[in-house]
Amino acid sequence: MTKQYLNIGGLIGVTLVVMIMCDILLCENIPLLSINITQAIISHWAKHWHILAVGLLPIYMAIILFGTSMMGLFLGSMAQRWLMRFCKRSVQS
């Protein structure tokens, strides 16, 4: 039976990465990541179909935030495992 523990590194990683991504999404000068620029690009592609542009934006946001949270969880978990190994080696020495 394996010992279950709280993945603090993953939680910290998700929190940090999602906060950074929200700042990037609200920034208005980063192409393809900013909400305003993405809205303008989608509206330009679908000239008179503003409903399509408004409908695609939540899907875009969900994909960006889901990918960001998965990346944060992965990186945070890796960092936690690395720190746990480093601490065990330090204690054993």
PDB file of N, CA and C in Angstrom:
ATOM      1  N   MET A   1       0.846  -1.174   0.000  1.00  0.00           N
ATOM      2  CA  MET A   1       0.000   0.000   0.000  1.00  0.00           C
ATOM      3  C   MET A   1       0.896   1.243   0.000  1.00  0.00           C
ATOM      4  N   THR A   2       0.603   2.163  -0.858  1.00  0.00           N
ATOM      5  CA  THR A   2       1.424   3.365  -0.953  1.00  0.00           C
ATOM      6  C   THR A   2       0.902   4.443  -0.011  1.00  0.00           C
ATOM      7  N   LYS A   3       1.800   5.236   0.438  1.00  0.00           N
ATOM      8  CA  LYS A   3       1.447   6.335   1.328  1.00  0.00           C
ATOM      9  C   LYS A   3       0.947   7.510   0.491  1.00  0.00           C
ATOM     10  N   GLN A   4      -0.231   8.017   0.807  1.00  0.00           N
ATOM     11  CA  GLN A   4      -0.776   9.153   0.077  1.00  0.00           C
ATOM     12  C   GLN A   4      -0.395  10.436   0.788  1.00  0.00           C
ATOM     13  N   TYR A   5      -0.053  11.433   0.019  1.00  0.00           N
ATOM     14  CA  TYR A   5       0.317  12.721   0.571  1.00  0.00           C
ATOM     15  C   TYR A   5      -0.241  13.831  -0.305  1.00  0.00           C
ATOM     16  N   LEU A   6      -0.315  14.995   0.254  1.00  0.00           N
ATOM     17  CA  LEU A   6      -0.827  16.162  -0.460  1.00  0.00           C
ATOM     18  C   LEU A   6       0.257  16.681  -1.397  1.00  0.00           C
ATOM     19  N   ASN A   7      -0.086  16.895  -2.631  1.00  0.00           N
ATOM     20  CA  ASN A   7       0.875  17.361  -3.629  1.00  0.00           C
ATOM     21  C   ASN A   7       0.964  18.887  -3.562  1.00  0.00           C
ATOM     22  N   ILE A   8       1.713  19.372  -2.580  1.00  0.00           N
ATOM     23  CA  ILE A   8       1.864  20.816  -2.376  1.00  0.00           C
ATOM     24  C   ILE A   8       2.549  21.465  -3.579  1.00  0.00           C
ATOM     25  N   GLY A   9       3.553  20.797  -4.126  1.00  0.00           N
ATOM     26  CA  GLY A   9       4.249  21.344  -5.291  1.00  0.00           C
ATOM     27  C   GLY A   9       3.329  21.535  -6.473  1.00  0.00           C
ATOM     28  N   GLY A  10       2.454  20.570  -6.700  1.00  0.00           N
ATOM     29  CA  GLY A  10       1.494  20.683  -7.797  1.00  0.00           C
ATOM     30  C   GLY A  10       0.515  21.826  -7.584  1.00  0.00           C
ATOM     31  N   LEU A  11       0.035  21.972  -6.347  1.00  0.00           N
ATOM     32  CA  LEU A  11      -0.893  23.073  -6.047  1.00  0.00           C
ATOM     33  C   LEU A  11      -0.221  24.434  -6.224  1.00  0.00           C
ATOM     34  N   ILE A  12       1.000  24.546  -5.752  1.00  0.00           N
ATOM     35  CA  ILE A  12       1.733  25.812  -5.908  1.00  0.00           C
ATOM     36  C   ILE A  12       2.007  26.085  -7.383  1.00  0.00           C
ATOM     37  N   GLY A  13       2.404  25.042  -8.119  1.00  0.00           N
ATOM     38  CA  GLY A  13       2.669  25.202  -9.552  1.00  0.00           C
ATOM     39  C   GLY A  13       1.445  25.642 -10.320  1.00  0.00           C
ATOM     40  N   VAL A  14       0.299  25.013 -10.042  1.00  0.00           N
ATOM     41  CA  VAL A  14      -0.947  25.386 -10.732  1.00  0.00           C
ATOM     42  C   VAL A  14      -1.311  26.828 -10.410  1.00  0.00           C
ATOM     43  N   THR A  15      -1.213  27.197  -9.142  1.00  0.00           N
ATOM     44  CA  THR A  15      -1.565  28.557  -8.739  1.00  0.00           C
ATOM     45  C   THR A  15      -0.691  29.587  -9.442  1.00  0.00           C
ATOM     46  N   LEU A  16       0.613  29.366  -9.432  1.00  0.00           N
ATOM     47  CA  LEU A  16       1.519  30.329 -10.055  1.00  0.00           C
ATOM     48  C   LEU A  16       1.305  30.433 -11.560  1.00  0.00           C
ATOM     49  N   VAL A  17       1.192  29.297 -12.226  1.00  0.00           N
ATOM     50  CA  VAL A  17       1.078  29.314 -13.682  1.00  0.00           C
ATOM     51  C   VAL A  17      -0.258  29.902 -14.123  1.00  0.00           C
ATOM     52  N   VAL A  18      -1.343  29.598 -13.405  1.00  0.00           N
ATOM     53  CA  VAL A  18      -2.644  30.166 -13.771  1.00  0.00           C
ATOM     54  C   VAL A  18      -2.665  31.672 -13.533  1.00  0.00           C
ATOM     55  N   MET A  19      -2.040  32.138 -12.459  1.00  0.00           N
ATOM     56  CA  MET A  19      -1.968  33.582 -12.223  1.00  0.00           C
ATOM     57  C   MET A  19      -1.177  34.279 -13.322  1.00  0.00           C
ATOM     58  N   ILE A  20      -0.073  33.691 -13.733  1.00  0.00           N
ATOM     59  CA  ILE A  20       0.738  34.271 -14.810  1.00  0.00           C
ATOM     60  C   ILE A  20      -0.051  34.278 -16.120  1.00  0.00           C
ATOM     61  N   MET A  21      -0.758  33.165 -16.412  1.00  0.00           N
ATOM     62  CA  MET A  21      -1.523  33.106 -17.651  1.00  0.00           C
ATOM     63  C   MET A  21      -2.671  34.110 -17.642  1.00  0.00           C
ATOM     64  N   CYS A  22      -3.308  34.319 -16.508  1.00  0.00           N
ATOM     65  CA  CYS A  22      -4.382  35.325 -16.443  1.00  0.00           C
ATOM     66  C   CYS A  22      -3.830  36.726 -16.702  1.00  0.00           C
ATOM     67  N   ASP A  23      -2.648  37.027 -16.167  1.00  0.00           N
ATOM     68  CA  ASP A  23      -2.026  38.319 -16.446  1.00  0.00           C
ATOM     69  C   ASP A  23      -1.713  38.464 -17.937  1.00  0.00           C
ATOM     70  N   ILE A  24      -1.217  37.385 -18.554  1.00  0.00           N
ATOM     71  CA  ILE A  24      -0.902  37.429 -19.981  1.00  0.00           C
ATOM     72  C   ILE A  24      -2.175  37.593 -20.810  1.00  0.00           C
ATOM     73  N   LEU A  25      -3.251  36.897 -20.427  1.00  0.00           N
ATOM     74  CA  LEU A  25      -4.503  37.000 -21.178  1.00  0.00           C
ATOM     75  C   LEU A  25      -5.101  38.397 -21.104  1.00  0.00           C
ATOM     76  N   LEU A  26      -4.904  39.076 -19.991  1.00  0.00           N
ATOM     77  CA  LEU A  26      -5.461  40.421 -19.852  1.00  0.00           C
ATOM     78  C   LEU A  26      -4.558  41.507 -20.420  1.00  0.00           C
ATOM     79  N   CYS A  27      -3.291  41.173 -20.683  1.00  0.00           N
ATOM     80  CA  CYS A  27      -2.359  42.124 -21.292  1.00  0.00           C
ATOM     81  C   CYS A  27      -2.798  42.348 -22.742  1.00  0.00           C
ATOM     82  N   GLU A  28      -2.656  43.561 -23.220  1.00  0.00           N
ATOM     83  CA  GLU A  28      -3.189  43.871 -24.550  1.00  0.00           C
ATOM     84  C   GLU A  28      -2.141  43.947 -25.653  1.00  0.00           C
ATOM     85  N   ASN A  29      -0.910  43.542 -25.390  1.00  0.00           N
ATOM     86  CA  ASN A  29       0.096  43.676 -26.440  1.00  0.00           C
ATOM     87  C   ASN A  29       0.818  42.364 -26.760  1.00  0.00           C
ATOM     88  N   ILE A  30       0.273  41.233 -26.342  1.00  0.00           N
ATOM     89  CA  ILE A  30       0.876  39.944 -26.659  1.00  0.00           C
ATOM     90  C   ILE A  30      -0.016  39.238 -27.684  1.00  0.00           C
ATOM     91  N   PRO A  31       0.446  39.124 -28.931  1.00  0.00           N
ATOM     92  CA  PRO A  31      -0.401  38.510 -29.954  1.00  0.00           C
ATOM     93  C   PRO A  31      -0.653  37.027 -29.686  1.00  0.00           C
ATOM     94  N   LEU A  32      -1.826  36.556 -30.059  1.00  0.00           N
ATOM     95  CA  LEU A  32      -2.303  35.182 -29.952  1.00  0.00           C
ATOM     96  C   LEU A  32      -2.534  34.714 -28.517  1.00  0.00           C
ATOM     97  N   LEU A  33      -2.238  35.510 -27.518  1.00  0.00           N
ATOM     98  CA  LEU A  33      -2.540  35.142 -26.139  1.00  0.00           C
ATOM     99  C   LEU A  33      -3.481  36.125 -25.474  1.00  0.00           C
ATOM    100  N   SER A  34      -3.471  37.352 -25.900  1.00  0.00           N
ATOM    101  CA  SER A  34      -4.339  38.364 -25.323  1.00  0.00           C
ATOM    102  C   SER A  34      -5.780  38.132 -25.759  1.00  0.00           C
ATOM    103  N   ILE A  35      -6.714  38.310 -24.844  1.00  0.00           N
ATOM    104  CA  ILE A  35      -8.129  38.102 -25.152  1.00  0.00           C
ATOM    105  C   ILE A  35      -8.605  39.099 -26.205  1.00  0.00           C
ATOM    106  N   ASN A  36      -8.218  40.359 -26.072  1.00  0.00           N
ATOM    107  CA  ASN A  36      -8.666  41.382 -27.028  1.00  0.00           C
ATOM    108  C   ASN A  36      -8.140  41.112 -28.429  1.00  0.00           C
ATOM    109  N   ILE A  37      -6.883  40.748 -28.544  1.00  0.00           N
ATOM    110  CA  ILE A  37      -6.305  40.482 -29.867  1.00  0.00           C
ATOM    111  C   ILE A  37      -6.918  39.222 -30.473  1.00  0.00           C
ATOM    112  N   THR A  38      -7.137  38.200 -29.649  1.00  0.00           N
ATOM    113  CA  THR A  38      -7.768  36.982 -30.144  1.00  0.00           C
ATOM    114  C   THR A  38      -9.186  37.256 -30.612  1.00  0.00           C
ATOM    115  N   GLN A  39      -9.921  38.055 -29.877  1.00  0.00           N
ATOM    116  CA  GLN A  39     -11.284  38.437 -30.280  1.00  0.00           C
ATOM    117  C   GLN A  39     -11.251  39.173 -31.622  1.00  0.00           C
ATOM    118  N   ALA A  40     -10.297  40.056 -31.801  1.00  0.00           N
ATOM    119  CA  ALA A  40     -10.184  40.791 -33.064  1.00  0.00           C
ATOM    120  C   ALA A  40      -9.831  39.859 -34.216  1.00  0.00           C
ATOM    121  N   ILE A  41      -8.945  38.883 -33.971  1.00  0.00           N
ATOM    122  CA  ILE A  41      -8.554  37.938 -35.023  1.00  0.00           C
ATOM    123  C   ILE A  41      -9.736  37.066 -35.423  1.00  0.00           C
ATOM    124  N   ILE A  42     -10.461  36.544 -34.426  1.00  0.00           N
ATOM    125  CA  ILE A  42     -11.624  35.699 -34.732  1.00  0.00           C
ATOM    126  C   ILE A  42     -12.695  36.516 -35.458  1.00  0.00           C
ATOM    127  N   SER A  43     -12.911  37.741 -35.021  1.00  0.00           N
ATOM    128  CA  SER A  43     -13.900  38.593 -35.687  1.00  0.00           C
ATOM    129  C   SER A  43     -13.493  38.905 -37.125  1.00  0.00           C
ATOM    130  N   HIS A  44     -12.192  39.059 -37.377  1.00  0.00           N
ATOM    131  CA  HIS A  44     -11.709  39.336 -38.726  1.00  0.00           C
ATOM    132  C   HIS A  44     -11.911  38.123 -39.630  1.00  0.00           C
ATOM    133  N   TRP A  45     -11.673  36.918 -39.103  1.00  0.00           N
ATOM    134  CA  TRP A  45     -11.856  35.708 -39.894  1.00  0.00           C
ATOM    135  C   TRP A  45     -13.319  35.495 -40.254  1.00  0.00           C
ATOM    136  N   ALA A  46     -14.188  35.717 -39.305  1.00  0.00           N
ATOM    137  CA  ALA A  46     -15.621  35.532 -39.533  1.00  0.00           C
ATOM    138  C   ALA A  46     -16.250  36.918 -39.636  1.00  0.00           C
ATOM    139  N   LYS A  47     -16.120  37.541 -40.794  1.00  0.00           N
ATOM    140  CA  LYS A  47     -16.458  38.948 -41.013  1.00  0.00           C
ATOM    141  C   LYS A  47     -17.761  39.400 -40.346  1.00  0.00           C
ATOM    142  N   HIS A  48     -18.877  38.828 -40.713  1.00  0.00           N
ATOM    143  CA  HIS A  48     -20.154  39.292 -40.186  1.00  0.00           C
ATOM    144  C   HIS A  48     -20.775  38.277 -39.237  1.00  0.00           C
ATOM    145  N   TRP A  49     -19.991  37.382 -38.724  1.00  0.00           N
ATOM    146  CA  TRP A  49     -20.481  36.336 -37.841  1.00  0.00           C
ATOM    147  C   TRP A  49     -19.973  36.586 -36.423  1.00  0.00           C
ATOM    148  N   HIS A  50     -20.410  37.664 -35.831  1.00  0.00           N
ATOM    149  CA  HIS A  50     -19.952  38.025 -34.487  1.00  0.00           C
ATOM    150  C   HIS A  50     -20.396  36.997 -33.444  1.00  0.00           C
ATOM    151  N   ILE A  51     -21.505  36.335 -33.703  1.00  0.00           N
ATOM    152  CA  ILE A  51     -21.972  35.297 -32.775  1.00  0.00           C
ATOM    153  C   ILE A  51     -20.972  34.144 -32.749  1.00  0.00           C
ATOM    154  N   LEU A  52     -20.417  33.809 -33.908  1.00  0.00           N
ATOM    155  CA  LEU A  52     -19.400  32.761 -33.981  1.00  0.00           C
ATOM    156  C   LEU A  52     -18.159  33.170 -33.191  1.00  0.00           C
ATOM    157  N   ALA A  53     -17.754  34.432 -33.345  1.00  0.00           N
ATOM    158  CA  ALA A  53     -16.583  34.924 -32.624  1.00  0.00           C
ATOM    159  C   ALA A  53     -16.809  34.884 -31.115  1.00  0.00           C
ATOM    160  N   VAL A  54     -17.992  35.298 -30.672  1.00  0.00           N
ATOM    161  CA  VAL A  54     -18.307  35.280 -29.246  1.00  0.00           C
ATOM    162  C   VAL A  54     -18.413  33.843 -28.746  1.00  0.00           C
ATOM    163  N   GLY A  55     -18.882  32.933 -29.574  1.00  0.00           N
ATOM    164  CA  GLY A  55     -18.998  31.527 -29.186  1.00  0.00           C
ATOM    165  C   GLY A  55     -17.668  30.812 -29.112  1.00  0.00           C
ATOM    166  N   LEU A  56     -16.704  31.199 -29.938  1.00  0.00           N
ATOM    167  CA  LEU A  56     -15.396  30.549 -29.936  1.00  0.00           C
ATOM    168  C   LEU A  56     -14.491  31.030 -28.810  1.00  0.00           C
ATOM    169  N   LEU A  57     -14.716  32.215 -28.308  1.00  0.00           N
ATOM    170  CA  LEU A  57     -13.842  32.754 -27.264  1.00  0.00           C
ATOM    171  C   LEU A  57     -13.868  31.931 -25.971  1.00  0.00           C
ATOM    172  N   PRO A  58     -15.016  31.479 -25.473  1.00  0.00           N
ATOM    173  CA  PRO A  58     -14.980  30.634 -24.263  1.00  0.00           C
ATOM    174  C   PRO A  58     -14.256  29.301 -24.480  1.00  0.00           C
ATOM    175  N   ILE A  59     -14.358  28.753 -25.696  1.00  0.00           N
ATOM    176  CA  ILE A  59     -13.637  27.510 -25.997  1.00  0.00           C
ATOM    177  C   ILE A  59     -12.140  27.770 -25.975  1.00  0.00           C
ATOM    178  N   TYR A  60     -11.717  28.877 -26.558  1.00  0.00           N
ATOM    179  CA  TYR A  60     -10.303  29.270 -26.542  1.00  0.00           C
ATOM    180  C   TYR A  60      -9.809  29.450 -25.107  1.00  0.00           C
ATOM    181  N   MET A  61     -10.599  30.130 -24.294  1.00  0.00           N
ATOM    182  CA  MET A  61     -10.212  30.364 -22.898  1.00  0.00           C
ATOM    183  C   MET A  61     -10.109  29.048 -22.127  1.00  0.00           C
ATOM    184  N   ALA A  62     -11.049  28.142 -22.349  1.00  0.00           N
ATOM    185  CA  ALA A  62     -11.033  26.858 -21.648  1.00  0.00           C
ATOM    186  C   ALA A  62      -9.806  26.046 -22.030  1.00  0.00           C
ATOM    187  N   ILE A  63      -9.466  26.035 -23.307  1.00  0.00           N
ATOM    188  CA  ILE A  63      -8.289  25.284 -23.751  1.00  0.00           C
ATOM    189  C   ILE A  63      -7.017  25.884 -23.157  1.00  0.00           C
ATOM    190  N   ILE A  64      -6.900  27.199 -23.167  1.00  0.00           N
ATOM    191  CA  ILE A  64      -5.717  27.855 -22.622  1.00  0.00           C
ATOM    192  C   ILE A  64      -5.594  27.592 -21.122  1.00  0.00           C
ATOM    193  N   LEU A  65      -6.664  27.764 -20.366  1.00  0.00           N
ATOM    194  CA  LEU A  65      -6.590  27.574 -18.918  1.00  0.00           C
ATOM    195  C   LEU A  65      -6.400  26.105 -18.538  1.00  0.00           C
ATOM    196  N   PHE A  66      -7.012  25.174 -19.267  1.00  0.00           N
ATOM    197  CA  PHE A  66      -6.823  23.757 -18.993  1.00  0.00           C
ATOM    198  C   PHE A  66      -5.378  23.351 -19.264  1.00  0.00           C
ATOM    199  N   GLY A  67      -4.845  23.762 -20.401  1.00  0.00           N
ATOM    200  CA  GLY A  67      -3.453  23.451 -20.719  1.00  0.00           C
ATOM    201  C   GLY A  67      -2.488  24.061 -19.728  1.00  0.00           C
ATOM    202  N   THR A  68      -2.771  25.276 -19.319  1.00  0.00           N
ATOM    203  CA  THR A  68      -1.920  25.951 -18.342  1.00  0.00           C
ATOM    204  C   THR A  68      -1.955  25.237 -16.995  1.00  0.00           C
ATOM    205  N   SER A  69      -3.137  24.847 -16.563  1.00  0.00           N
ATOM    206  CA  SER A  69      -3.234  24.164 -15.265  1.00  0.00           C
ATOM    207  C   SER A  69      -2.554  22.801 -15.312  1.00  0.00           C
ATOM    208  N   MET A  70      -2.666  22.077 -16.411  1.00  0.00           N
ATOM    209  CA  MET A  70      -1.979  20.783 -16.531  1.00  0.00           C
ATOM    210  C   MET A  70      -0.467  20.971 -16.519  1.00  0.00           C
ATOM    211  N   MET A  71       0.012  22.000 -17.212  1.00  0.00           N
ATOM    212  CA  MET A  71       1.440  22.268 -17.219  1.00  0.00           C
ATOM    213  C   MET A  71       1.923  22.655 -15.827  1.00  0.00           C
ATOM    214  N   GLY A  72       1.153  23.471 -15.112  1.00  0.00           N
ATOM    215  CA  GLY A  72       1.525  23.867 -13.756  1.00  0.00           C
ATOM    216  C   GLY A  72       1.547  22.690 -12.809  1.00  0.00           C
ATOM    217  N   LEU A  73       0.570  21.796 -12.924  1.00  0.00           N
ATOM    218  CA  LEU A  73       0.535  20.607 -12.077  1.00  0.00           C
ATOM    219  C   LEU A  73       1.736  19.713 -12.353  1.00  0.00           C
ATOM    220  N   PHE A  74       2.068  19.531 -13.611  1.00  0.00           N
ATOM    221  CA  PHE A  74       3.214  18.700 -13.983  1.00  0.00           C
ATOM    222  C   PHE A  74       4.524  19.297 -13.481  1.00  0.00           C
ATOM    223  N   LEU A  75       4.731  20.594 -13.751  1.00  0.00           N
ATOM    224  CA  LEU A  75       5.978  21.234 -13.325  1.00  0.00           C
ATOM    225  C   LEU A  75       6.097  21.314 -11.805  1.00  0.00           C
ATOM    226  N   GLY A  76       4.991  21.599 -11.128  1.00  0.00           N
ATOM    227  CA  GLY A  76       5.006  21.646  -9.671  1.00  0.00           C
ATOM    228  C   GLY A  76       5.299  20.288  -9.055  1.00  0.00           C
ATOM    229  N   SER A  77       4.723  19.234  -9.615  1.00  0.00           N
ATOM    230  CA  SER A  77       4.982  17.881  -9.125  1.00  0.00           C
ATOM    231  C   SER A  77       6.432  17.486  -9.359  1.00  0.00           C
ATOM    232  N   MET A  78       6.969  17.843 -10.527  1.00  0.00           N
ATOM    233  CA  MET A  78       8.383  17.554 -10.792  1.00  0.00           C
ATOM    234  C   MET A  78       9.285  18.281  -9.810  1.00  0.00           C
ATOM    235  N   ALA A  79       8.977  19.543  -9.538  1.00  0.00           N
ATOM    236  CA  ALA A  79       9.782  20.316  -8.602  1.00  0.00           C
ATOM    237  C   ALA A  79       9.703  19.719  -7.198  1.00  0.00           C
ATOM    238  N   GLN A  80       8.512  19.273  -6.797  1.00  0.00           N
ATOM    239  CA  GLN A  80       8.360  18.675  -5.470  1.00  0.00           C
ATOM    240  C   GLN A  80       9.159  17.377  -5.371  1.00  0.00           C
ATOM    241  N   ARG A  81       9.090  16.515  -6.394  1.00  0.00           N
ATOM    242  CA  ARG A  81       9.864  15.274  -6.373  1.00  0.00           C
ATOM    243  C   ARG A  81      11.354  15.556  -6.319  1.00  0.00           C
ATOM    244  N   TRP A  82      11.806  16.545  -7.093  1.00  0.00           N
ATOM    245  CA  TRP A  82      13.221  16.893  -7.097  1.00  0.00           C
ATOM    246  C   TRP A  82      13.657  17.384  -5.717  1.00  0.00           C
ATOM    247  N   LEU A  83      12.842  18.232  -5.100  1.00  0.00           N
ATOM    248  CA  LEU A  83      13.183  18.738  -3.765  1.00  0.00           C
ATOM    249  C   LEU A  83      13.159  17.631  -2.717  1.00  0.00           C
ATOM    250  N   MET A  84      12.213  16.699  -2.831  1.00  0.00           N
ATOM    251  CA  MET A  84      12.159  15.580  -1.884  1.00  0.00           C
ATOM    252  C   MET A  84      13.413  14.718  -2.003  1.00  0.00           C
ATOM    253  N   ARG A  85      13.844  14.421  -3.225  1.00  0.00           N
ATOM    254  CA  ARG A  85      15.076  13.640  -3.412  1.00  0.00           C
ATOM    255  C   ARG A  85      16.285  14.401  -2.887  1.00  0.00           C
ATOM    256  N   PHE A  86      16.327  15.696  -3.157  1.00  0.00           N
ATOM    257  CA  PHE A  86      17.445  16.515  -2.695  1.00  0.00           C
ATOM    258  C   PHE A  86      17.499  16.549  -1.168  1.00  0.00           C
ATOM    259  N   CYS A  87      16.337  16.682  -0.522  1.00  0.00           N
ATOM    260  CA  CYS A  87      16.299  16.709   0.938  1.00  0.00           C
ATOM    261  C   CYS A  87      16.684  15.369   1.537  1.00  0.00           C
ATOM    262  N   LYS A  88      16.261  14.256   0.916  1.00  0.00           N
ATOM    263  CA  LYS A  88      16.637  12.933   1.418  1.00  0.00           C
ATOM    264  C   LYS A  88      18.128  12.697   1.315  1.00  0.00           C
ATOM    265  N   ARG A  89      18.730  13.159   0.217  1.00  0.00           N
ATOM    266  CA  ARG A  89      20.184  13.013   0.061  1.00  0.00           C
ATOM    267  C   ARG A  89      20.928  13.858   1.083  1.00  0.00           C
ATOM    268  N   SER A  90      20.407  15.036   1.371  1.00  0.00           N
ATOM    269  CA  SER A  90      21.051  15.923   2.350  1.00  0.00           C
ATOM    270  C   SER A  90      20.970  15.334   3.757  1.00  0.00           C
ATOM    271  N   VAL A  91      19.857  14.702   4.079  1.00  0.00           N
ATOM    272  CA  VAL A  91      19.679  14.120   5.410  1.00  0.00           C
ATOM    273  C   VAL A  91      20.543  12.888   5.555  1.00  0.00           C
ATOM    274  N   GLN A  92      20.670  12.081   4.512  1.00  0.00           N
ATOM    275  CA  GLN A  92      21.445  10.851   4.566  1.00  0.00           C
ATOM    276  C   GLN A  92      22.939  11.111   4.649  1.00  0.00           C
ATOM    277  N   SER A  93      23.389  12.221   4.128  1.00  0.00           N
ATOM    278  CA  SER A  93      24.834  12.524   4.110  1.00  0.00           C
ATOM    279  C   SER A  93      25.351  12.943   5.451  1.00  0.00           C
TER     280      SER A  93
END
